[in-house]
Amino acid sequence: MSAVTAVNSPRRTRAIAVVALTGVALSVSACGSNPRAGQWVDRSGRPISRVLLETSSGGRHCKWESVTFLAIQARLLGIHRPGALIYARDPDGVLPLRFLAARYGPIASVPRAAEDTGFRLRHLHLWVVPSRINEAVYVVQGESIERWPRTLGGCA
């Protein structure tokens, strides 16, 4: 997946953002239901556009059906650059490590510097460590905590 460059036109920037996110969604959408897919909401319970934040299943053509991808526009995380950051939940370890900025895995607790974004998908809560946003995000579900690494590449 290539980086998205800034464009002066707000309409064009939105179109590029949609392409950046749907590029992930299109490559992964035909893989059945995913309990981690759906409408994310903010701290107030207001829906967040899927153009800004979306989860979807991995693609069959890559044999990544067990992977959940989370695509989030950088600006939602306070990063002033265009485009989305993509993170992956890979419990079966099917993604090559060269495609990941860190390792996926369950962890005992969120890091001390982690902050709750307020973003929710039913029972899932998204946490970040601002200084390590290029490495991973943390998804909390009750007592379960997982580190979802940022993706660095992918299947064409």
N, C-alpha and C. Protein backbone atom coordinates (compact mmCIF):
# COMPACT_ATOMS: atom_id res chain seq x y z
N MET A 1 0.86 -1.17 0.00
CA MET A 1 0.00 0.00 0.00
C MET A 1 0.90 1.23 0.00
N SER A 2 0.60 2.15 -0.88
CA SER A 2 1.45 3.32 -0.99
C SER A 2 0.96 4.44 -0.09
N ALA A 3 1.87 5.32 0.21
CA ALA A 3 1.52 6.48 1.05
C ALA A 3 0.62 7.42 0.27
N VAL A 4 -0.25 8.10 0.96
CA VAL A 4 -1.16 9.07 0.35
C VAL A 4 -0.54 10.44 0.52
N THR A 5 -0.51 11.22 -0.56
CA THR A 5 0.07 12.55 -0.47
C THR A 5 -1.02 13.59 -0.31
N ALA A 6 -0.66 14.70 0.28
CA ALA A 6 -1.62 15.77 0.52
C ALA A 6 -1.99 16.44 -0.80
N VAL A 7 -3.23 16.86 -0.88
CA VAL A 7 -3.74 17.57 -2.05
C VAL A 7 -4.46 18.80 -1.53
N ASN A 8 -4.36 19.92 -2.24
CA ASN A 8 -4.95 21.17 -1.78
C ASN A 8 -6.46 21.15 -1.70
N SER A 9 -7.14 20.44 -2.58
CA SER A 9 -8.59 20.44 -2.61
C SER A 9 -9.16 19.57 -1.50
N PRO A 10 -10.05 20.12 -0.62
CA PRO A 10 -10.66 19.31 0.44
C PRO A 10 -11.44 18.13 -0.13
N ARG A 11 -12.14 18.34 -1.26
CA ARG A 11 -12.92 17.25 -1.86
C ARG A 11 -11.98 16.14 -2.35
N ARG A 12 -10.88 16.54 -2.97
CA ARG A 12 -9.92 15.56 -3.47
C ARG A 12 -9.24 14.83 -2.31
N THR A 13 -8.92 15.56 -1.24
CA THR A 13 -8.31 14.94 -0.06
C THR A 13 -9.24 13.89 0.52
N ARG A 14 -10.53 14.21 0.63
CA ARG A 14 -11.51 13.24 1.14
C ARG A 14 -11.58 12.03 0.23
N ALA A 15 -11.57 12.25 -1.09
CA ALA A 15 -11.62 11.13 -2.03
C ALA A 15 -10.40 10.24 -1.87
N ILE A 16 -9.23 10.85 -1.70
CA ILE A 16 -8.02 10.07 -1.51
C ILE A 16 -8.09 9.29 -0.20
N ALA A 17 -8.62 9.91 0.85
CA ALA A 17 -8.77 9.21 2.13
C ALA A 17 -9.69 8.02 1.98
N VAL A 18 -10.78 8.19 1.23
CA VAL A 18 -11.71 7.08 1.01
C VAL A 18 -11.00 5.96 0.27
N VAL A 19 -10.23 6.29 -0.75
CA VAL A 19 -9.50 5.29 -1.49
C VAL A 19 -8.49 4.58 -0.58
N ALA A 20 -7.80 5.34 0.26
CA ALA A 20 -6.81 4.74 1.16
C ALA A 20 -7.46 3.72 2.08
N LEU A 21 -8.61 4.05 2.63
CA LEU A 21 -9.28 3.13 3.53
C LEU A 21 -9.98 2.02 2.78
N THR A 22 -10.66 2.32 1.70
CA THR A 22 -11.38 1.28 1.00
C THR A 22 -10.44 0.34 0.28
N GLY A 23 -9.23 0.77 0.02
CA GLY A 23 -8.26 -0.15 -0.53
C GLY A 23 -8.07 -1.34 0.39
N VAL A 24 -8.04 -1.09 1.69
CA VAL A 24 -7.97 -2.17 2.67
C VAL A 24 -9.30 -2.90 2.70
N ALA A 25 -10.38 -2.14 2.79
CA ALA A 25 -11.70 -2.76 2.90
C ALA A 25 -12.04 -3.60 1.69
N LEU A 26 -11.73 -3.10 0.48
CA LEU A 26 -12.05 -3.86 -0.72
C LEU A 26 -11.26 -5.15 -0.79
N SER A 27 -10.03 -5.13 -0.37
CA SER A 27 -9.22 -6.33 -0.46
C SER A 27 -9.59 -7.35 0.61
N VAL A 28 -10.42 -6.95 1.56
CA VAL A 28 -10.71 -7.85 2.66
C VAL A 28 -12.20 -8.07 2.90
N SER A 29 -13.06 -7.45 2.12
CA SER A 29 -14.48 -7.43 2.46
C SER A 29 -15.23 -8.72 2.18
N ALA A 30 -14.76 -9.56 1.34
CA ALA A 30 -15.53 -10.73 0.94
C ALA A 30 -15.23 -11.96 1.78
N CYS A 31 -14.85 -11.77 3.01
CA CYS A 31 -14.37 -12.89 3.80
C CYS A 31 -15.31 -13.28 4.93
N GLY A 32 -16.57 -12.97 4.86
CA GLY A 32 -17.51 -13.38 5.89
C GLY A 32 -17.61 -12.38 7.01
N SER A 33 -18.37 -12.75 8.03
CA SER A 33 -18.60 -11.82 9.13
C SER A 33 -17.40 -11.79 10.07
N ASN A 34 -17.19 -10.64 10.65
CA ASN A 34 -16.08 -10.44 11.56
C ASN A 34 -16.65 -9.76 12.81
N PRO A 35 -16.52 -10.39 13.98
CA PRO A 35 -17.06 -9.78 15.19
C PRO A 35 -16.38 -8.47 15.57
N ARG A 36 -15.25 -8.16 14.95
CA ARG A 36 -14.55 -6.90 15.23
C ARG A 36 -14.84 -5.85 14.16
N ALA A 37 -15.79 -6.13 13.28
CA ALA A 37 -16.20 -5.17 12.25
C ALA A 37 -17.48 -4.49 12.71
N GLY A 38 -17.71 -3.31 12.22
CA GLY A 38 -18.93 -2.59 12.57
C GLY A 38 -18.69 -1.11 12.73
N GLN A 39 -19.65 -0.44 13.31
CA GLN A 39 -19.62 1.01 13.47
C GLN A 39 -18.93 1.42 14.76
N TRP A 40 -17.81 2.09 14.67
CA TRP A 40 -17.13 2.64 15.83
C TRP A 40 -17.85 3.91 16.26
N VAL A 41 -17.80 4.21 17.54
CA VAL A 41 -18.38 5.43 18.07
C VAL A 41 -17.32 6.16 18.90
N ASP A 42 -17.55 7.47 19.12
CA ASP A 42 -16.63 8.24 19.94
C ASP A 42 -17.05 8.17 21.41
N ARG A 43 -16.36 8.89 22.25
CA ARG A 43 -16.60 8.89 23.70
C ARG A 43 -18.05 9.25 24.04
N SER A 44 -18.68 10.07 23.21
CA SER A 44 -20.07 10.50 23.45
C SER A 44 -21.09 9.53 22.86
N GLY A 45 -20.62 8.51 22.18
CA GLY A 45 -21.54 7.57 21.55
C GLY A 45 -21.93 7.94 20.13
N ARG A 46 -21.33 9.02 19.59
CA ARG A 46 -21.62 9.42 18.22
C ARG A 46 -20.85 8.53 17.24
N PRO A 47 -21.52 8.07 16.18
CA PRO A 47 -20.85 7.23 15.18
C PRO A 47 -19.68 7.95 14.52
N ILE A 48 -18.62 7.22 14.27
CA ILE A 48 -17.46 7.73 13.56
C ILE A 48 -17.55 7.20 12.13
N SER A 49 -17.42 8.06 11.17
CA SER A 49 -17.49 7.66 9.76
C SER A 49 -16.50 6.54 9.48
N ARG A 50 -16.93 5.58 8.70
CA ARG A 50 -16.04 4.48 8.30
C ARG A 50 -14.91 4.97 7.41
N VAL A 51 -15.03 6.16 6.88
CA VAL A 51 -13.94 6.77 6.12
C VAL A 51 -12.80 7.12 7.08
N LEU A 52 -13.14 7.38 8.34
CA LEU A 52 -12.14 7.79 9.33
C LEU A 52 -11.61 6.63 10.17
N LEU A 53 -12.47 5.64 10.45
CA LEU A 53 -12.08 4.53 11.32
C LEU A 53 -12.89 3.31 10.92
N GLU A 54 -12.18 2.22 10.57
CA GLU A 54 -12.87 1.02 10.13
C GLU A 54 -12.06 -0.22 10.47
N THR A 55 -12.75 -1.30 10.78
CA THR A 55 -12.12 -2.61 10.92
C THR A 55 -12.72 -3.53 9.87
N SER A 56 -11.89 -4.44 9.35
CA SER A 56 -12.34 -5.37 8.34
C SER A 56 -11.46 -6.62 8.37
N SER A 57 -11.95 -7.68 7.74
CA SER A 57 -11.23 -8.96 7.71
C SER A 57 -10.18 -8.98 6.62
N GLY A 58 -9.20 -9.85 6.81
CA GLY A 58 -8.14 -10.01 5.81
C GLY A 58 -8.63 -10.73 4.57
N GLY A 59 -7.88 -10.59 3.48
CA GLY A 59 -8.29 -11.12 2.18
C GLY A 59 -8.02 -12.60 1.99
N ARG A 60 -8.94 -13.25 1.31
CA ARG A 60 -8.80 -14.66 0.97
C ARG A 60 -7.62 -14.89 0.04
N HIS A 61 -7.46 -13.99 -0.93
CA HIS A 61 -6.40 -14.18 -1.91
C HIS A 61 -5.01 -14.18 -1.27
N CYS A 62 -4.89 -13.61 -0.09
CA CYS A 62 -3.62 -13.60 0.65
C CYS A 62 -3.60 -14.69 1.73
N LYS A 63 -4.74 -15.36 1.92
CA LYS A 63 -4.90 -16.36 3.00
C LYS A 63 -4.78 -15.69 4.36
N TRP A 64 -5.38 -14.48 4.47
CA TRP A 64 -5.33 -13.69 5.70
C TRP A 64 -6.70 -13.56 6.34
N GLU A 65 -7.61 -14.52 6.11
CA GLU A 65 -8.97 -14.42 6.65
C GLU A 65 -9.01 -14.30 8.17
N SER A 66 -8.02 -14.81 8.85
CA SER A 66 -8.00 -14.75 10.32
C SER A 66 -7.52 -13.40 10.86
N VAL A 67 -7.07 -12.52 9.97
CA VAL A 67 -6.55 -11.21 10.37
C VAL A 67 -7.68 -10.18 10.37
N THR A 68 -7.68 -9.31 11.38
CA THR A 68 -8.55 -8.14 11.38
C THR A 68 -7.68 -6.91 11.21
N PHE A 69 -8.01 -6.09 10.23
CA PHE A 69 -7.29 -4.84 10.00
C PHE A 69 -8.09 -3.68 10.57
N LEU A 70 -7.40 -2.74 11.18
CA LEU A 70 -8.00 -1.51 11.68
C LEU A 70 -7.34 -0.37 10.93
N ALA A 71 -8.13 0.39 10.20
CA ALA A 71 -7.63 1.55 9.46
C ALA A 71 -8.17 2.80 10.12
N ILE A 72 -7.27 3.69 10.50
CA ILE A 72 -7.70 4.92 11.18
C ILE A 72 -6.96 6.11 10.58
N GLN A 73 -7.71 7.14 10.24
CA GLN A 73 -7.09 8.34 9.71
C GLN A 73 -6.16 8.94 10.76
N ALA A 74 -4.97 9.30 10.34
CA ALA A 74 -3.96 9.82 11.25
C ALA A 74 -4.48 10.99 12.08
N ARG A 75 -5.29 11.85 11.48
CA ARG A 75 -5.77 13.04 12.20
C ARG A 75 -6.63 12.66 13.42
N LEU A 76 -7.28 11.51 13.40
CA LEU A 76 -8.06 11.08 14.58
C LEU A 76 -7.14 10.78 15.77
N LEU A 77 -5.89 10.49 15.48
CA LEU A 77 -4.91 10.20 16.53
C LEU A 77 -4.05 11.41 16.85
N GLY A 78 -4.41 12.56 16.29
CA GLY A 78 -3.66 13.79 16.56
C GLY A 78 -2.40 13.92 15.74
N ILE A 79 -2.28 13.13 14.67
CA ILE A 79 -1.11 13.20 13.80
C ILE A 79 -1.48 14.05 12.60
N HIS A 80 -0.70 15.07 12.36
CA HIS A 80 -1.00 16.02 11.29
C HIS A 80 -0.32 15.61 10.00
N ARG A 81 -0.88 14.58 9.39
CA ARG A 81 -0.43 14.14 8.07
C ARG A 81 -1.62 13.46 7.41
N PRO A 82 -1.64 13.45 6.10
CA PRO A 82 -2.77 12.82 5.41
C PRO A 82 -2.66 11.30 5.47
N GLY A 83 -3.79 10.65 5.26
CA GLY A 83 -3.79 9.20 5.12
C GLY A 83 -4.12 8.45 6.39
N ALA A 84 -4.20 7.17 6.21
CA ALA A 84 -4.58 6.27 7.31
C ALA A 84 -3.38 5.49 7.81
N LEU A 85 -3.47 5.12 9.07
CA LEU A 85 -2.54 4.16 9.66
C LEU A 85 -3.32 2.85 9.75
N ILE A 86 -2.67 1.76 9.39
CA ILE A 86 -3.33 0.46 9.38
C ILE A 86 -2.66 -0.43 10.43
N TYR A 87 -3.48 -1.05 11.25
CA TYR A 87 -3.01 -1.96 12.30
C TYR A 87 -3.63 -3.33 12.09
N ALA A 88 -3.02 -4.36 12.67
CA ALA A 88 -3.51 -5.72 12.41
C ALA A 88 -3.60 -6.56 13.68
N ARG A 89 -4.71 -7.27 13.78
CA ARG A 89 -4.87 -8.33 14.78
C ARG A 89 -4.62 -9.64 14.05
N ASP A 90 -3.58 -10.34 14.43
CA ASP A 90 -3.16 -11.54 13.71
C ASP A 90 -2.92 -12.70 14.68
N PRO A 91 -4.00 -13.26 15.24
CA PRO A 91 -3.83 -14.30 16.26
C PRO A 91 -3.20 -15.59 15.74
N ASP A 92 -3.31 -15.85 14.43
CA ASP A 92 -2.73 -17.08 13.86
C ASP A 92 -1.32 -16.86 13.29
N GLY A 93 -0.83 -15.63 13.35
CA GLY A 93 0.52 -15.35 12.88
C GLY A 93 0.72 -15.55 11.39
N VAL A 94 -0.29 -15.23 10.57
CA VAL A 94 -0.19 -15.43 9.13
C VAL A 94 0.51 -14.28 8.41
N LEU A 95 0.58 -13.11 9.02
CA LEU A 95 1.25 -11.98 8.38
C LEU A 95 2.76 -12.12 8.53
N PRO A 96 3.51 -11.93 7.45
CA PRO A 96 4.97 -11.97 7.57
C PRO A 96 5.44 -10.85 8.51
N LEU A 97 6.39 -11.16 9.36
CA LEU A 97 6.89 -10.18 10.33
C LEU A 97 7.45 -8.93 9.64
N ARG A 98 7.93 -9.06 8.42
CA ARG A 98 8.47 -7.89 7.71
C ARG A 98 7.37 -6.88 7.38
N PHE A 99 6.09 -7.29 7.47
CA PHE A 99 4.96 -6.40 7.21
C PHE A 99 4.49 -5.68 8.47
N LEU A 100 5.13 -5.94 9.61
CA LEU A 100 4.65 -5.40 10.88
C LEU A 100 5.72 -4.58 11.59
N ALA A 101 5.28 -3.49 12.25
CA ALA A 101 6.20 -2.63 13.00
C ALA A 101 6.50 -3.19 14.38
N ALA A 102 5.68 -4.13 14.85
CA ALA A 102 5.85 -4.75 16.16
C ALA A 102 5.19 -6.13 16.08
N ARG A 103 5.21 -6.86 17.16
CA ARG A 103 4.54 -8.16 17.19
C ARG A 103 3.13 -8.01 17.75
N TYR A 104 2.21 -8.78 17.16
CA TYR A 104 0.86 -8.86 17.70
C TYR A 104 0.90 -9.72 18.96
N GLY A 105 0.01 -9.45 19.89
CA GLY A 105 -0.11 -10.37 21.00
C GLY A 105 -0.93 -9.86 22.15
N PRO A 106 -1.44 -10.81 22.92
CA PRO A 106 -2.11 -10.43 24.16
C PRO A 106 -1.06 -9.94 25.15
N ILE A 107 -1.43 -8.97 25.96
CA ILE A 107 -0.51 -8.44 26.97
C ILE A 107 -1.27 -8.35 28.30
N ALA A 108 -0.53 -8.26 29.39
CA ALA A 108 -1.14 -8.26 30.73
C ALA A 108 -1.84 -6.95 31.06
N SER A 109 -1.28 -5.83 30.60
CA SER A 109 -1.89 -4.53 30.88
C SER A 109 -1.47 -3.52 29.82
N VAL A 110 -2.26 -2.47 29.67
CA VAL A 110 -1.86 -1.42 28.72
C VAL A 110 -0.61 -0.74 29.27
N PRO A 111 0.25 -0.25 28.39
CA PRO A 111 1.44 0.46 28.86
C PRO A 111 1.07 1.67 29.71
N ARG A 112 1.95 2.06 30.61
CA ARG A 112 1.69 3.20 31.51
C ARG A 112 1.33 4.47 30.76
N ALA A 113 1.97 4.69 29.62
CA ALA A 113 1.75 5.91 28.86
C ALA A 113 0.51 5.84 27.95
N ALA A 114 -0.20 4.72 27.97
CA ALA A 114 -1.36 4.55 27.08
C ALA A 114 -2.50 5.48 27.47
N GLU A 115 -3.20 5.95 26.45
CA GLU A 115 -4.35 6.83 26.65
C GLU A 115 -5.57 6.22 25.96
N ASP A 116 -6.70 6.27 26.63
CA ASP A 116 -7.96 5.81 26.05
C ASP A 116 -8.41 6.83 25.02
N THR A 117 -8.59 6.40 23.76
CA THR A 117 -9.02 7.32 22.70
C THR A 117 -10.50 7.69 22.84
N GLY A 118 -11.24 6.86 23.56
CA GLY A 118 -12.69 7.06 23.64
C GLY A 118 -13.42 6.37 22.51
N PHE A 119 -12.69 5.79 21.56
CA PHE A 119 -13.31 5.11 20.43
C PHE A 119 -13.73 3.70 20.86
N ARG A 120 -14.97 3.34 20.52
CA ARG A 120 -15.54 2.05 20.93
C ARG A 120 -16.20 1.36 19.75
N LEU A 121 -16.09 0.07 19.75
CA LEU A 121 -16.86 -0.78 18.83
C LEU A 121 -17.47 -1.85 19.72
N ARG A 122 -18.74 -1.63 20.07
CA ARG A 122 -19.42 -2.49 21.04
C ARG A 122 -18.55 -2.67 22.28
N HIS A 123 -17.94 -3.80 22.46
CA HIS A 123 -17.16 -4.14 23.66
C HIS A 123 -15.67 -3.82 23.52
N LEU A 124 -15.23 -3.34 22.36
CA LEU A 124 -13.81 -3.05 22.14
C LEU A 124 -13.51 -1.59 22.44
N HIS A 125 -12.39 -1.33 23.08
CA HIS A 125 -11.94 0.02 23.42
C HIS A 125 -10.55 0.21 22.84
N LEU A 126 -10.34 1.31 22.12
CA LEU A 126 -9.06 1.58 21.47
C LEU A 126 -8.20 2.50 22.33
N TRP A 127 -6.98 2.04 22.64
CA TRP A 127 -6.01 2.80 23.42
C TRP A 127 -4.76 3.01 22.57
N VAL A 128 -4.05 4.11 22.81
CA VAL A 128 -2.81 4.40 22.09
C VAL A 128 -1.76 4.94 23.06
N VAL A 129 -0.51 4.74 22.69
CA VAL A 129 0.61 5.42 23.33
C VAL A 129 1.08 6.43 22.29
N PRO A 130 0.80 7.72 22.50
CA PRO A 130 1.09 8.72 21.47
C PRO A 130 2.51 8.67 20.92
N SER A 131 3.49 8.43 21.75
CA SER A 131 4.88 8.41 21.27
C SER A 131 5.23 7.13 20.51
N ARG A 132 4.32 6.15 20.52
CA ARG A 132 4.59 4.87 19.84
C ARG A 132 3.50 4.51 18.84
N ILE A 133 2.79 5.52 18.35
CA ILE A 133 1.67 5.30 17.45
C ILE A 133 2.09 4.64 16.15
N ASN A 134 3.35 4.81 15.75
CA ASN A 134 3.84 4.16 14.54
C ASN A 134 4.19 2.70 14.73
N GLU A 135 4.10 2.22 15.98
CA GLU A 135 4.39 0.82 16.27
C GLU A 135 3.15 -0.01 16.46
N ALA A 136 2.21 0.47 17.30
CA ALA A 136 1.05 -0.36 17.64
C ALA A 136 -0.03 0.46 18.32
N VAL A 137 -1.23 -0.11 18.37
CA VAL A 137 -2.33 0.38 19.18
C VAL A 137 -2.73 -0.77 20.10
N TYR A 138 -3.58 -0.48 21.07
CA TYR A 138 -4.00 -1.48 22.04
C TYR A 138 -5.52 -1.55 22.04
N VAL A 139 -6.03 -2.77 21.92
CA VAL A 139 -7.47 -2.99 21.90
C VAL A 139 -7.83 -3.75 23.17
N VAL A 140 -8.71 -3.13 23.95
CA VAL A 140 -9.10 -3.68 25.25
C VAL A 140 -10.54 -4.18 25.15
N GLN A 141 -10.74 -5.40 25.61
CA GLN A 141 -12.07 -6.01 25.68
C GLN A 141 -12.20 -6.64 27.05
N GLY A 142 -12.86 -5.93 27.97
CA GLY A 142 -12.97 -6.43 29.34
C GLY A 142 -11.59 -6.55 29.96
N GLU A 143 -11.23 -7.75 30.39
CA GLU A 143 -9.92 -8.00 30.99
C GLU A 143 -8.86 -8.36 29.94
N SER A 144 -9.27 -8.56 28.72
CA SER A 144 -8.36 -8.94 27.64
C SER A 144 -7.78 -7.70 26.97
N ILE A 145 -6.46 -7.70 26.78
CA ILE A 145 -5.76 -6.58 26.13
C ILE A 145 -4.86 -7.16 25.04
N GLU A 146 -4.95 -6.58 23.86
CA GLU A 146 -4.11 -7.02 22.75
C GLU A 146 -3.36 -5.84 22.15
N ARG A 147 -2.12 -6.12 21.75
CA ARG A 147 -1.31 -5.14 21.01
C ARG A 147 -1.50 -5.47 19.52
N TRP A 148 -2.03 -4.51 18.76
CA TRP A 148 -2.20 -4.66 17.32
C TRP A 148 -1.10 -3.84 16.65
N PRO A 149 -0.14 -4.49 15.98
CA PRO A 149 0.95 -3.74 15.36
C PRO A 149 0.51 -2.98 14.11
N ARG A 150 1.23 -1.93 13.82
CA ARG A 150 1.02 -1.19 12.58
C ARG A 150 1.57 -2.01 11.43
N THR A 151 0.85 -1.99 10.32
CA THR A 151 1.33 -2.71 9.14
C THR A 151 2.28 -1.81 8.34
N LEU A 152 3.26 -2.44 7.75
CA LEU A 152 4.26 -1.73 6.95
C LEU A 152 4.15 -2.06 5.47
N GLY A 153 3.37 -3.05 5.15
CA GLY A 153 3.22 -3.49 3.77
C GLY A 153 2.07 -4.45 3.71
N GLY A 154 1.90 -5.09 2.60
CA GLY A 154 0.79 -6.01 2.50
C GLY A 154 0.80 -6.81 1.21
N CYS A 155 -0.23 -7.58 1.07
CA CYS A 155 -0.43 -8.46 -0.06
C CYS A 155 -1.04 -7.66 -1.20
N ALA A 156 -0.54 -7.81 -2.38
CA ALA A 156 -1.07 -7.08 -3.54
C ALA A 156 -2.23 -7.81 -4.19
